[in-house]
Amino acid sequence: MSQRKGRYQNRTEILQGTLDMLILQTLQWAPRHGYALSKAIRTNSGEILKVDTGSLYPALHRLERKGWIAAEWKASELGPRLRVYHLTKAGKRQLMSERSRWRRLTAAIAGILDPAQKENAP
């Protein structure tokens, strides 16, 4: 097994439909450019979640079209300008909705994975 393959074997593909929520949540913490967004998701997930550029940039463009995020070009100290994204008011509302949906989904999955836990709940 190559070192690269070993390094990535414990990473998990992001569930379909959760990338938008992860981007919105990460932008709630602070505005970021694309690479910094990807890095923040990876770092805050304990190196488990990895967002490929082939998924990230189409998602950013989709969220921008929906009005949930906005972007502006900013100067970079190290080279070319960076497109920095930030959460809009509509994006904050959408994030609240996504988080609520995620909590319902994880509770439903937990009920299937551990039905005894659900039966013993108050």
PDB file of N, CA and C in Angstrom:
ATOM      1  N   MET A   1       0.853  -1.180   0.000  1.00  0.00           N
ATOM      2  CA  MET A   1       0.000   0.000   0.000  1.00  0.00           C
ATOM      3  C   MET A   1       0.894   1.236   0.000  1.00  0.00           C
ATOM      4  N   SER A   2       0.573   2.194  -0.864  1.00  0.00           N
ATOM      5  CA  SER A   2       1.367   3.406  -0.932  1.00  0.00           C
ATOM      6  C   SER A   2       1.107   4.269   0.294  1.00  0.00           C
ATOM      7  N   GLN A   3       2.060   5.166   0.561  1.00  0.00           N
ATOM      8  CA  GLN A   3       1.903   6.054   1.720  1.00  0.00           C
ATOM      9  C   GLN A   3       0.683   6.961   1.530  1.00  0.00           C
ATOM     10  N   ARG A   4       0.480   7.436   0.311  1.00  0.00           N
ATOM     11  CA  ARG A   4      -0.665   8.312   0.037  1.00  0.00           C
ATOM     12  C   ARG A   4      -1.979   7.586   0.318  1.00  0.00           C
ATOM     13  N   LYS A   5      -2.108   6.358  -0.162  1.00  0.00           N
ATOM     14  CA  LYS A   5      -3.340   5.609   0.053  1.00  0.00           C
ATOM     15  C   LYS A   5      -3.565   5.377   1.545  1.00  0.00           C
ATOM     16  N   GLY A   6      -2.525   5.024   2.277  1.00  0.00           N
ATOM     17  CA  GLY A   6      -2.633   4.807   3.714  1.00  0.00           C
ATOM     18  C   GLY A   6      -3.051   6.056   4.450  1.00  0.00           C
ATOM     19  N   ARG A   7      -2.559   7.186   3.981  1.00  0.00           N
ATOM     20  CA  ARG A   7      -2.862   8.454   4.623  1.00  0.00           C
ATOM     21  C   ARG A   7      -4.341   8.809   4.494  1.00  0.00           C
ATOM     22  N   TYR A   8      -4.960   8.414   3.408  1.00  0.00           N
ATOM     23  CA  TYR A   8      -6.345   8.796   3.156  1.00  0.00           C
ATOM     24  C   TYR A   8      -7.352   7.687   3.434  1.00  0.00           C
ATOM     25  N   GLN A   9      -6.903   6.515   3.839  1.00  0.00           N
ATOM     26  CA  GLN A   9      -7.830   5.397   3.970  1.00  0.00           C
ATOM     27  C   GLN A   9      -8.881   5.600   5.051  1.00  0.00           C
ATOM     28  N   ASN A  10      -8.617   6.407   6.058  1.00  0.00           N
ATOM     29  CA  ASN A  10      -9.596   6.617   7.125  1.00  0.00           C
ATOM     30  C   ASN A  10     -10.511   7.810   6.870  1.00  0.00           C
ATOM     31  N   ARG A  11     -10.327   8.481   5.747  1.00  0.00           N
ATOM     32  CA  ARG A  11     -11.200   9.602   5.427  1.00  0.00           C
ATOM     33  C   ARG A  11     -12.541   9.084   4.959  1.00  0.00           C
ATOM     34  N   THR A  12     -13.560   9.862   5.195  1.00  0.00           N
ATOM     35  CA  THR A  12     -14.919   9.483   4.846  1.00  0.00           C
ATOM     36  C   THR A  12     -15.449  10.427   3.780  1.00  0.00           C
ATOM     37  N   GLU A  13     -16.106   9.864   2.791  1.00  0.00           N
ATOM     38  CA  GLU A  13     -16.763  10.697   1.790  1.00  0.00           C
ATOM     39  C   GLU A  13     -17.922  11.419   2.472  1.00  0.00           C
ATOM     40  N   ILE A  14     -18.118  12.659   2.122  1.00  0.00           N
ATOM     41  CA  ILE A  14     -19.199  13.439   2.720  1.00  0.00           C
ATOM     42  C   ILE A  14     -20.525  12.946   2.151  1.00  0.00           C
ATOM     43  N   LEU A  15     -21.481  12.718   3.028  1.00  0.00           N
ATOM     44  CA  LEU A  15     -22.801  12.268   2.601  1.00  0.00           C
ATOM     45  C   LEU A  15     -23.412  13.267   1.634  1.00  0.00           C
ATOM     46  N   GLN A  16     -24.066  12.743   0.611  1.00  0.00           N
ATOM     47  CA  GLN A  16     -24.723  13.607  -0.348  1.00  0.00           C
ATOM     48  C   GLN A  16     -25.722  14.493   0.389  1.00  0.00           C
ATOM     49  N   GLY A  17     -25.706  15.775   0.074  1.00  0.00           N
ATOM     50  CA  GLY A  17     -26.638  16.699   0.703  1.00  0.00           C
ATOM     51  C   GLY A  17     -26.098  17.386   1.945  1.00  0.00           C
ATOM     52  N   THR A  18     -24.968  16.952   2.460  1.00  0.00           N
ATOM     53  CA  THR A  18     -24.433  17.587   3.667  1.00  0.00           C
ATOM     54  C   THR A  18     -23.373  18.635   3.352  1.00  0.00           C
ATOM     55  N   LEU A  19     -22.837  18.630   2.141  1.00  0.00           N
ATOM     56  CA  LEU A  19     -21.775  19.575   1.810  1.00  0.00           C
ATOM     57  C   LEU A  19     -22.253  21.012   1.957  1.00  0.00           C
ATOM     58  N   ASP A  20     -23.465  21.309   1.498  1.00  0.00           N
ATOM     59  CA  ASP A  20     -23.980  22.676   1.629  1.00  0.00           C
ATOM     60  C   ASP A  20     -23.996  23.105   3.088  1.00  0.00           C
ATOM     61  N   MET A  21     -24.493  22.229   3.957  1.00  0.00           N
ATOM     62  CA  MET A  21     -24.554  22.554   5.381  1.00  0.00           C
ATOM     63  C   MET A  21     -23.148  22.790   5.944  1.00  0.00           C
ATOM     64  N   LEU A  22     -22.197  21.960   5.563  1.00  0.00           N
ATOM     65  CA  LEU A  22     -20.831  22.111   6.070  1.00  0.00           C
ATOM     66  C   LEU A  22     -20.205  23.421   5.600  1.00  0.00           C
ATOM     67  N   ILE A  23     -20.447  23.784   4.359  1.00  0.00           N
ATOM     68  CA  ILE A  23     -19.930  25.055   3.840  1.00  0.00           C
ATOM     69  C   ILE A  23     -20.568  26.222   4.590  1.00  0.00           C
ATOM     70  N   LEU A  24     -21.889  26.202   4.735  1.00  0.00           N
ATOM     71  CA  LEU A  24     -22.577  27.293   5.435  1.00  0.00           C
ATOM     72  C   LEU A  24     -22.085  27.412   6.873  1.00  0.00           C
ATOM     73  N   GLN A  25     -21.935  26.288   7.561  1.00  0.00           N
ATOM     74  CA  GLN A  25     -21.466  26.313   8.947  1.00  0.00           C
ATOM     75  C   GLN A  25     -20.054  26.879   9.031  1.00  0.00           C
ATOM     76  N   THR A  26     -19.190  26.451   8.135  1.00  0.00           N
ATOM     77  CA  THR A  26     -17.803  26.914   8.150  1.00  0.00           C
ATOM     78  C   THR A  26     -17.735  28.413   7.873  1.00  0.00           C
ATOM     79  N   LEU A  27     -18.584  28.901   6.971  1.00  0.00           N
ATOM     80  CA  LEU A  27     -18.601  30.338   6.688  1.00  0.00           C
ATOM     81  C   LEU A  27     -19.241  31.137   7.816  1.00  0.00           C
ATOM     82  N   GLN A  28     -20.053  30.501   8.643  1.00  0.00           N
ATOM     83  CA  GLN A  28     -20.599  31.216   9.804  1.00  0.00           C
ATOM     84  C   GLN A  28     -19.472  31.572  10.769  1.00  0.00           C
ATOM     85  N   TRP A  29     -18.452  30.725  10.847  1.00  0.00           N
ATOM     86  CA  TRP A  29     -17.319  31.004  11.734  1.00  0.00           C
ATOM     87  C   TRP A  29     -16.504  32.185  11.229  1.00  0.00           C
ATOM     88  N   ALA A  30     -16.299  32.254   9.898  1.00  0.00           N
ATOM     89  CA  ALA A  30     -15.495  33.336   9.322  1.00  0.00           C
ATOM     90  C   ALA A  30     -15.543  33.255   7.803  1.00  0.00           C
ATOM     91  N   PRO A  31     -15.430  34.398   7.110  1.00  0.00           N
ATOM     92  CA  PRO A  31     -15.312  34.360   5.649  1.00  0.00           C
ATOM     93  C   PRO A  31     -14.031  33.614   5.252  1.00  0.00           C
ATOM     94  N   ARG A  32     -14.094  32.904   4.131  1.00  0.00           N
ATOM     95  CA  ARG A  32     -12.930  32.123   3.690  1.00  0.00           C
ATOM     96  C   ARG A  32     -12.928  31.999   2.170  1.00  0.00           C
ATOM     97  N   HIS A  33     -11.732  31.785   1.618  1.00  0.00           N
ATOM     98  CA  HIS A  33     -11.628  31.425   0.201  1.00  0.00           C
ATOM     99  C   HIS A  33     -11.754  29.908   0.101  1.00  0.00           C
ATOM    100  N   GLY A  34     -11.878  29.397  -1.103  1.00  0.00           N
ATOM    101  CA  GLY A  34     -12.170  27.983  -1.316  1.00  0.00           C
ATOM    102  C   GLY A  34     -11.230  27.021  -0.616  1.00  0.00           C
ATOM    103  N   TYR A  35      -9.921  27.213  -0.797  1.00  0.00           N
ATOM    104  CA  TYR A  35      -8.973  26.283  -0.182  1.00  0.00           C
ATOM    105  C   TYR A  35      -9.085  26.331   1.343  1.00  0.00           C
ATOM    106  N   ALA A  36      -9.251  27.526   1.906  1.00  0.00           N
ATOM    107  CA  ALA A  36      -9.373  27.653   3.363  1.00  0.00           C
ATOM    108  C   ALA A  36     -10.650  26.979   3.864  1.00  0.00           C
ATOM    109  N   LEU A  37     -11.714  27.026   3.073  1.00  0.00           N
ATOM    110  CA  LEU A  37     -12.954  26.328   3.428  1.00  0.00           C
ATOM    111  C   LEU A  37     -12.717  24.826   3.505  1.00  0.00           C
ATOM    112  N   SER A  38     -12.096  24.300   2.465  1.00  0.00           N
ATOM    113  CA  SER A  38     -11.811  22.865   2.417  1.00  0.00           C
ATOM    114  C   SER A  38     -10.930  22.447   3.588  1.00  0.00           C
ATOM    115  N   LYS A  39      -9.924  23.255   3.863  1.00  0.00           N
ATOM    116  CA  LYS A  39      -9.001  22.955   4.967  1.00  0.00           C
ATOM    117  C   LYS A  39      -9.719  23.020   6.315  1.00  0.00           C
ATOM    118  N   ALA A  40     -10.604  23.998   6.510  1.00  0.00           N
ATOM    119  CA  ALA A  40     -11.334  24.125   7.778  1.00  0.00           C
ATOM    120  C   ALA A  40     -12.246  22.924   8.007  1.00  0.00           C
ATOM    121  N   ILE A  41     -12.899  22.460   6.953  1.00  0.00           N
ATOM    122  CA  ILE A  41     -13.761  21.280   7.088  1.00  0.00           C
ATOM    123  C   ILE A  41     -12.918  20.068   7.454  1.00  0.00           C
ATOM    124  N   ARG A  42     -11.802  19.905   6.778  1.00  0.00           N
ATOM    125  CA  ARG A  42     -10.915  18.765   7.067  1.00  0.00           C
ATOM    126  C   ARG A  42     -10.378  18.845   8.494  1.00  0.00           C
ATOM    127  N   THR A  43      -9.885  19.998   8.894  1.00  0.00           N
ATOM    128  CA  THR A  43      -9.291  20.172  10.221  1.00  0.00           C
ATOM    129  C   THR A  43     -10.329  19.988  11.327  1.00  0.00           C
ATOM    130  N   ASN A  44     -11.498  20.619  11.172  1.00  0.00           N
ATOM    131  CA  ASN A  44     -12.524  20.543  12.216  1.00  0.00           C
ATOM    132  C   ASN A  44     -13.206  19.190  12.295  1.00  0.00           C
ATOM    133  N   SER A  45     -13.006  18.357  11.286  1.00  0.00           N
ATOM    134  CA  SER A  45     -13.561  16.998  11.330  1.00  0.00           C
ATOM    135  C   SER A  45     -12.517  15.998  11.805  1.00  0.00           C
ATOM    136  N   GLY A  46     -11.407  16.495  12.336  1.00  0.00           N
ATOM    137  CA  GLY A  46     -10.356  15.595  12.799  1.00  0.00           C
ATOM    138  C   GLY A  46      -9.695  14.848  11.652  1.00  0.00           C
ATOM    139  N   GLU A  47      -9.587  15.518  10.503  1.00  0.00           N
ATOM    140  CA  GLU A  47      -8.971  14.943   9.298  1.00  0.00           C
ATOM    141  C   GLU A  47      -9.792  13.799   8.710  1.00  0.00           C
ATOM    142  N   ILE A  48     -11.065  13.696   9.053  1.00  0.00           N
ATOM    143  CA  ILE A  48     -11.916  12.619   8.549  1.00  0.00           C
ATOM    144  C   ILE A  48     -12.598  13.018   7.237  1.00  0.00           C
ATOM    145  N   LEU A  49     -13.150  14.226   7.174  1.00  0.00           N
ATOM    146  CA  LEU A  49     -13.868  14.668   5.986  1.00  0.00           C
ATOM    147  C   LEU A  49     -12.949  15.443   5.057  1.00  0.00           C
ATOM    148  N   LYS A  50     -12.985  15.097   3.788  1.00  0.00           N
ATOM    149  CA  LYS A  50     -12.172  15.772   2.779  1.00  0.00           C
ATOM    150  C   LYS A  50     -13.095  16.226   1.662  1.00  0.00           C
ATOM    151  N   VAL A  51     -13.026  17.500   1.322  1.00  0.00           N
ATOM    152  CA  VAL A  51     -13.838  18.047   0.240  1.00  0.00           C
ATOM    153  C   VAL A  51     -12.933  18.274  -0.962  1.00  0.00           C
ATOM    154  N   ASP A  52     -13.197  17.555  -2.032  1.00  0.00           N
ATOM    155  CA  ASP A  52     -12.421  17.721  -3.255  1.00  0.00           C
ATOM    156  C   ASP A  52     -12.867  18.979  -3.982  1.00  0.00           C
ATOM    157  N   THR A  53     -11.939  19.590  -4.727  1.00  0.00           N
ATOM    158  CA  THR A  53     -12.274  20.811  -5.459  1.00  0.00           C
ATOM    159  C   THR A  53     -13.377  20.566  -6.484  1.00  0.00           C
ATOM    160  N   GLY A  54     -13.449  19.346  -7.014  1.00  0.00           N
ATOM    161  CA  GLY A  54     -14.494  19.014  -7.978  1.00  0.00           C
ATOM    162  C   GLY A  54     -15.889  19.036  -7.376  1.00  0.00           C
ATOM    163  N   SER A  55     -15.982  18.968  -6.063  1.00  0.00           N
ATOM    164  CA  SER A  55     -17.267  19.081  -5.364  1.00  0.00           C
ATOM    165  C   SER A  55     -17.439  20.469  -4.758  1.00  0.00           C
ATOM    166  N   LEU A  56     -16.340  21.028  -4.239  1.00  0.00           N
ATOM    167  CA  LEU A  56     -16.414  22.293  -3.511  1.00  0.00           C
ATOM    168  C   LEU A  56     -16.856  23.456  -4.390  1.00  0.00           C
ATOM    169  N   TYR A  57     -16.175  23.667  -5.506  1.00  0.00           N
ATOM    170  CA  TYR A  57     -16.457  24.864  -6.298  1.00  0.00           C
ATOM    171  C   TYR A  57     -17.837  24.844  -6.954  1.00  0.00           C
ATOM    172  N   PRO A  58     -18.317  23.715  -7.464  1.00  0.00           N
ATOM    173  CA  PRO A  58     -19.707  23.708  -7.930  1.00  0.00           C
ATOM    174  C   PRO A  58     -20.699  24.010  -6.793  1.00  0.00           C
ATOM    175  N   ALA A  59     -20.420  23.515  -5.591  1.00  0.00           N
ATOM    176  CA  ALA A  59     -21.290  23.792  -4.441  1.00  0.00           C
ATOM    177  C   ALA A  59     -21.257  25.279  -4.098  1.00  0.00           C
ATOM    178  N   LEU A  60     -20.078  25.882  -4.102  1.00  0.00           N
ATOM    179  CA  LEU A  60     -19.969  27.317  -3.814  1.00  0.00           C
ATOM    180  C   LEU A  60     -20.759  28.131  -4.836  1.00  0.00           C
ATOM    181  N   HIS A  61     -20.634  27.786  -6.109  1.00  0.00           N
ATOM    182  CA  HIS A  61     -21.371  28.521  -7.145  1.00  0.00           C
ATOM    183  C   HIS A  61     -22.876  28.334  -6.979  1.00  0.00           C
ATOM    184  N   ARG A  62     -23.311  27.137  -6.631  1.00  0.00           N
ATOM    185  CA  ARG A  62     -24.736  26.859  -6.414  1.00  0.00           C
ATOM    186  C   ARG A  62     -25.265  27.680  -5.227  1.00  0.00           C
ATOM    187  N   LEU A  63     -24.506  27.688  -4.116  1.00  0.00           N
ATOM    188  CA  LEU A  63     -24.926  28.440  -2.927  1.00  0.00           C
ATOM    189  C   LEU A  63     -24.960  29.938  -3.207  1.00  0.00           C
ATOM    190  N   GLU A  64     -24.031  30.398  -4.026  1.00  0.00           N
ATOM    191  CA  GLU A  64     -24.009  31.817  -4.382  1.00  0.00           C
ATOM    192  C   GLU A  64     -25.231  32.164  -5.247  1.00  0.00           C
ATOM    193  N   ARG A  65     -25.583  31.301  -6.194  1.00  0.00           N
ATOM    194  CA  ARG A  65     -26.772  31.532  -7.028  1.00  0.00           C
ATOM    195  C   ARG A  65     -28.047  31.565  -6.185  1.00  0.00           C
ATOM    196  N   LYS A  66     -28.084  30.763  -5.127  1.00  0.00           N
ATOM    197  CA  LYS A  66     -29.261  30.730  -4.250  1.00  0.00           C
ATOM    198  C   LYS A  66     -29.312  31.926  -3.300  1.00  0.00           C
ATOM    199  N   GLY A  67     -28.229  32.694  -3.242  1.00  0.00           N
ATOM    200  CA  GLY A  67     -28.194  33.861  -2.371  1.00  0.00           C
ATOM    201  C   GLY A  67     -27.823  33.545  -0.934  1.00  0.00           C
ATOM    202  N   TRP A  68     -27.338  32.333  -0.676  1.00  0.00           N
ATOM    203  CA  TRP A  68     -26.987  31.930   0.684  1.00  0.00           C
ATOM    204  C   TRP A  68     -25.575  32.347   1.061  1.00  0.00           C
ATOM    205  N   ILE A  69     -24.737  32.552   0.057  1.00  0.00           N
ATOM    206  CA  ILE A  69     -23.393  33.078   0.291  1.00  0.00           C
ATOM    207  C   ILE A  69     -23.133  34.159  -0.750  1.00  0.00           C
ATOM    208  N   ALA A  70     -22.173  35.006  -0.466  1.00  0.00           N
ATOM    209  CA  ALA A  70     -21.733  36.024  -1.416  1.00  0.00           C
ATOM    210  C   ALA A  70     -20.213  35.991  -1.427  1.00  0.00           C
ATOM    211  N   ALA A  71     -19.636  36.522  -2.492  1.00  0.00           N
ATOM    212  CA  ALA A  71     -18.182  36.472  -2.616  1.00  0.00           C
ATOM    213  C   ALA A  71     -17.656  37.798  -3.139  1.00  0.00           C
ATOM    214  N   GLU A  72     -16.421  38.055  -2.802  1.00  0.00           N
ATOM    215  CA  GLU A  72     -15.736  39.222  -3.347  1.00  0.00           C
ATOM    216  C   GLU A  72     -14.268  38.875  -3.523  1.00  0.00           C
ATOM    217  N   TRP A  73     -13.651  39.533  -4.489  1.00  0.00           N
ATOM    218  CA  TRP A  73     -12.231  39.320  -4.733  1.00  0.00           C
ATOM    219  C   TRP A  73     -11.433  40.147  -3.741  1.00  0.00           C
ATOM    220  N   LYS A  74     -10.434  39.521  -3.141  1.00  0.00           N
ATOM    221  CA  LYS A  74      -9.565  40.217  -2.182  1.00  0.00           C
ATOM    222  C   LYS A  74      -8.114  39.992  -2.579  1.00  0.00           C
ATOM    223  N   ALA A  75      -7.287  40.969  -2.265  1.00  0.00           N
ATOM    224  CA  ALA A  75      -5.858  40.848  -2.548  1.00  0.00           C
ATOM    225  C   ALA A  75      -5.241  39.784  -1.655  1.00  0.00           C
ATOM    226  N   SER A  76      -4.264  39.097  -2.194  1.00  0.00           N
ATOM    227  CA  SER A  76      -3.542  38.079  -1.441  1.00  0.00           C
ATOM    228  C   SER A  76      -2.106  38.532  -1.256  1.00  0.00           C
ATOM    229  N   GLU A  77      -1.553  38.265  -0.094  1.00  0.00           N
ATOM    230  CA  GLU A  77      -0.162  38.630   0.166  1.00  0.00           C
ATOM    231  C   GLU A  77       0.804  37.736  -0.601  1.00  0.00           C
ATOM    232  N   LEU A  78       0.342  36.551  -0.982  1.00  0.00           N
ATOM    233  CA  LEU A  78       1.239  35.562  -1.573  1.00  0.00           C
ATOM    234  C   LEU A  78       1.114  35.407  -3.078  1.00  0.00           C
ATOM    235  N   GLY A  79       0.177  36.069  -3.710  1.00  0.00           N
ATOM    236  CA  GLY A  79       0.035  35.862  -5.141  1.00  0.00           C
ATOM    237  C   GLY A  79      -1.232  36.472  -5.681  1.00  0.00           C
ATOM    238  N   PRO A  80      -1.929  35.715  -6.530  1.00  0.00           N
ATOM    239  CA  PRO A  80      -3.131  36.258  -7.165  1.00  0.00           C
ATOM    240  C   PRO A  80      -4.250  36.523  -6.162  1.00  0.00           C
ATOM    241  N   ARG A  81      -5.195  37.347  -6.602  1.00  0.00           N
ATOM    242  CA  ARG A  81      -6.345  37.656  -5.747  1.00  0.00           C
ATOM    243  C   ARG A  81      -7.117  36.390  -5.411  1.00  0.00           C
ATOM    244  N   LEU A  82      -7.822  36.444  -4.281  1.00  0.00           N
ATOM    245  CA  LEU A  82      -8.605  35.297  -3.811  1.00  0.00           C
ATOM    246  C   LEU A  82     -10.084  35.666  -3.800  1.00  0.00           C
ATOM    247  N   ARG A  83     -10.916  34.716  -4.145  1.00  0.00           N
ATOM    248  CA  ARG A  83     -12.364  34.912  -4.055  1.00  0.00           C
ATOM    249  C   ARG A  83     -12.781  34.453  -2.666  1.00  0.00           C
ATOM    250  N   VAL A  84     -13.177  35.404  -1.830  1.00  0.00           N
ATOM    251  CA  VAL A  84     -13.513  35.132  -0.430  1.00  0.00           C
ATOM    252  C   VAL A  84     -15.037  35.118  -0.290  1.00  0.00           C
ATOM    253  N   TYR A  85     -15.524  34.047   0.309  1.00  0.00           N
ATOM    254  CA  TYR A  85     -16.963  33.821   0.468  1.00  0.00           C
ATOM    255  C   TYR A  85     -17.397  34.148   1.891  1.00  0.00           C
ATOM    256  N   HIS A  86     -18.615  34.681   2.028  1.00  0.00           N
ATOM    257  CA  HIS A  86     -19.185  34.914   3.353  1.00  0.00           C
ATOM    258  C   HIS A  86     -20.671  34.561   3.330  1.00  0.00           C
ATOM    259  N   LEU A  87     -21.193  34.301   4.504  1.00  0.00           N
ATOM    260  CA  LEU A  87     -22.587  33.905   4.681  1.00  0.00           C
ATOM    261  C   LEU A  87     -23.487  35.137   4.607  1.00  0.00           C
ATOM    262  N   THR A  88     -24.608  35.024   3.921  1.00  0.00           N
ATOM    263  CA  THR A  88     -25.595  36.099   3.867  1.00  0.00           C
ATOM    264  C   THR A  88     -26.668  35.852   4.936  1.00  0.00           C
ATOM    265  N   LYS A  89     -27.564  36.814   5.109  1.00  0.00           N
ATOM    266  CA  LYS A  89     -28.672  36.610   6.062  1.00  0.00           C
ATOM    267  C   LYS A  89     -29.523  35.416   5.643  1.00  0.00           C
ATOM    268  N   ALA A  90     -29.782  35.300   4.349  1.00  0.00           N
ATOM    269  CA  ALA A  90     -30.551  34.145   3.855  1.00  0.00           C
ATOM    270  C   ALA A  90     -29.782  32.853   4.120  1.00  0.00           C
ATOM    271  N   GLY A  91     -28.462  32.913   4.012  1.00  0.00           N
ATOM    272  CA  GLY A  91     -27.632  31.742   4.289  1.00  0.00           C
ATOM    273  C   GLY A  91     -27.689  31.337   5.754  1.00  0.00           C
ATOM    274  N   LYS A  92     -27.763  32.319   6.636  1.00  0.00           N
ATOM    275  CA  LYS A  92     -27.882  32.014   8.067  1.00  0.00           C
ATOM    276  C   LYS A  92     -29.202  31.310   8.356  1.00  0.00           C
ATOM    277  N   ARG A  93     -30.274  31.780   7.724  1.00  0.00           N
ATOM    278  CA  ARG A  93     -31.576  31.120   7.900  1.00  0.00           C
ATOM    279  C   ARG A  93     -31.531  29.695   7.343  1.00  0.00           C
ATOM    280  N   GLN A  94     -30.910  29.540   6.184  1.00  0.00           N
ATOM    281  CA  GLN A  94     -30.809  28.213   5.583  1.00  0.00           C
ATOM    282  C   GLN A  94     -29.979  27.282   6.458  1.00  0.00           C
ATOM    283  N   LEU A  95     -28.907  27.796   7.044  1.00  0.00           N
ATOM    284  CA  LEU A  95     -28.070  26.984   7.927  1.00  0.00           C
ATOM    285  C   LEU A  95     -28.889  26.484   9.112  1.00  0.00           C
ATOM    286  N   MET A  96     -29.712  27.344   9.696  1.00  0.00           N
ATOM    287  CA  MET A  96     -30.555  26.913  10.818  1.00  0.00           C
ATOM    288  C   MET A  96     -31.483  25.780  10.381  1.00  0.00           C
ATOM    289  N   SER A  97     -32.049  25.906   9.201  1.00  0.00           N
ATOM    290  CA  SER A  97     -32.934  24.871   8.667  1.00  0.00           C
ATOM    291  C   SER A  97     -32.167  23.568   8.416  1.00  0.00           C
ATOM    292  N   GLU A  98     -30.985  23.679   7.824  1.00  0.00           N
ATOM    293  CA  GLU A  98     -30.158  22.499   7.544  1.00  0.00           C
ATOM    294  C   GLU A  98     -29.740  21.790   8.833  1.00  0.00           C
ATOM    295  N   ARG A  99     -29.375  22.574   9.835  1.00  0.00           N
ATOM    296  CA  ARG A  99     -28.963  21.975  11.113  1.00  0.00           C
ATOM    297  C   ARG A  99     -30.127  21.238  11.767  1.00  0.00           C
ATOM    298  N   SER A 100     -31.326  21.805  11.695  1.00  0.00           N
ATOM    299  CA  SER A 100     -32.512  21.154  12.248  1.00  0.00           C
ATOM    300  C   SER A 100     -32.788  19.842  11.510  1.00  0.00           C
ATOM    301  N   ARG A 101     -32.709  19.879  10.192  1.00  0.00           N
ATOM    302  CA  ARG A 101     -32.914  18.678   9.382  1.00  0.00           C
ATOM    303  C   ARG A 101     -31.867  17.626   9.724  1.00  0.00           C
ATOM    304  N   TRP A 102     -30.609  18.057   9.903  1.00  0.00           N
ATOM    305  CA  TRP A 102     -29.525  17.126  10.238  1.00  0.00           C
ATOM    306  C   TRP A 102     -29.774  16.456  11.592  1.00  0.00           C
ATOM    307  N   ARG A 103     -30.240  17.220  12.565  1.00  0.00           N
ATOM    308  CA  ARG A 103     -30.521  16.647  13.890  1.00  0.00           C
ATOM    309  C   ARG A 103     -31.630  15.595  13.810  1.00  0.00           C
ATOM    310  N   ARG A 104     -32.678  15.878  13.039  1.00  0.00           N
ATOM    311  CA  ARG A 104     -33.757  14.897  12.861  1.00  0.00           C
ATOM    312  C   ARG A 104     -33.235  13.643  12.172  1.00  0.00           C
ATOM    313  N   LEU A 105     -32.409  13.828  11.157  1.00  0.00           N
ATOM    314  CA  LEU A 105     -31.853  12.695  10.422  1.00  0.00           C
ATOM    315  C   LEU A 105     -30.961  11.840  11.309  1.00  0.00           C
ATOM    316  N   THR A 106     -30.064  12.460  12.076  1.00  0.00           N
ATOM    317  CA  THR A 106     -29.161  11.679  12.927  1.00  0.00           C
ATOM    318  C   THR A 106     -29.926  10.986  14.048  1.00  0.00           C
ATOM    319  N   ALA A 107     -30.988  11.614  14.558  1.00  0.00           N
ATOM    320  CA  ALA A 107     -31.813  10.957  15.583  1.00  0.00           C
ATOM    321  C   ALA A 107     -32.521   9.744  14.987  1.00  0.00           C
ATOM    322  N   ALA A 108     -32.999   9.874  13.752  1.00  0.00           N
ATOM    323  CA  ALA A 108     -33.668   8.748  13.096  1.00  0.00           C
ATOM    324  C   ALA A 108     -32.694   7.601  12.857  1.00  0.00           C
ATOM    325  N   ILE A 109     -31.494   7.920  12.418  1.00  0.00           N
ATOM    326  CA  ILE A 109     -30.481   6.885  12.187  1.00  0.00           C
ATOM    327  C   ILE A 109     -30.088   6.230  13.498  1.00  0.00           C
ATOM    328  N   ALA A 110     -29.931   7.033  14.550  1.00  0.00           N
ATOM    329  CA  ALA A 110     -29.586   6.475  15.864  1.00  0.00           C
ATOM    330  C   ALA A 110     -30.673   5.517  16.339  1.00  0.00           C
ATOM    331  N   GLY A 111     -31.929   5.840  16.051  1.00  0.00           N
ATOM    332  CA  GLY A 111     -33.029   4.962  16.430  1.00  0.00           C
ATOM    333  C   GLY A 111     -32.968   3.619  15.732  1.00  0.00           C
ATOM    334  N   ILE A 112     -32.431   3.606  14.534  1.00  0.00           N
ATOM    335  CA  ILE A 112     -32.280   2.350  13.796  1.00  0.00           C
ATOM    336  C   ILE A 112     -31.051   1.587  14.271  1.00  0.00           C
ATOM    337  N   LEU A 113     -29.959   2.302  14.493  1.00  0.00           N
ATOM    338  CA  LEU A 113     -28.722   1.643  14.913  1.00  0.00           C
ATOM    339  C   LEU A 113     -28.799   1.103  16.333  1.00  0.00           C
ATOM    340  N   ASP A 114     -29.553   1.787  17.183  1.00  0.00           N
ATOM    341  CA  ASP A 114     -29.644   1.374  18.584  1.00  0.00           C
ATOM    342  C   ASP A 114     -31.092   1.493  19.057  1.00  0.00           C
ATOM    343  N   PRO A 115     -31.969   0.599  18.598  1.00  0.00           N
ATOM    344  CA  PRO A 115     -33.390   0.714  18.956  1.00  0.00           C
ATOM    345  C   PRO A 115     -33.649   0.595  20.454  1.00  0.00           C
ATOM    346  N   ALA A 116     -32.806  -0.132  21.173  1.00  0.00           N
ATOM    347  CA  ALA A 116     -32.996  -0.261  22.623  1.00  0.00           C
ATOM    348  C   ALA A 116     -32.858   1.096  23.299  1.00  0.00           C
ATOM    349  N   GLN A 117     -31.957   1.916  22.809  1.00  0.00           N
ATOM    350  CA  GLN A 117     -31.748   3.259  23.367  1.00  0.00           C
ATOM    351  C   GLN A 117     -33.024   4.085  23.215  1.00  0.00           C
ATOM    352  N   LYS A 118     -33.671   3.980  22.063  1.00  0.00           N
ATOM    353  CA  LYS A 118     -34.896   4.740  21.811  1.00  0.00           C
ATOM    354  C   LYS A 118     -36.035   4.251  22.705  1.00  0.00           C
ATOM    355  N   GLU A 119     -36.116   2.943  22.909  1.00  0.00           N
ATOM    356  CA  GLU A 119     -37.175   2.382  23.751  1.00  0.00           C
ATOM    357  C   GLU A 119     -37.022   2.793  25.210  1.00  0.00           C
ATOM    358  N   ASN A 120     -35.797   3.032  25.662  1.00  0.00           N
ATOM    359  CA  ASN A 120     -35.537   3.404  27.054  1.00  0.00           C
ATOM    360  C   ASN A 120     -35.576   4.910  27.280  1.00  0.00           C
ATOM    361  N   ALA A 121     -35.752   5.677  26.212  1.00  0.00           N
ATOM    362  CA  ALA A 121     -35.767   7.136  26.351  1.00  0.00           C
ATOM    363  C   ALA A 121     -37.039   7.566  27.073  1.00  0.00           C
ATOM    364  N   PRO A 122     -36.959   8.661  27.851  1.00  0.00           N
ATOM    365  CA  PRO A 122     -38.139   9.143  28.590  1.00  0.00           C
ATOM    366  C   PRO A 122     -39.226   9.637  27.676  1.00  0.00           C
TER     367      PRO A 122
END
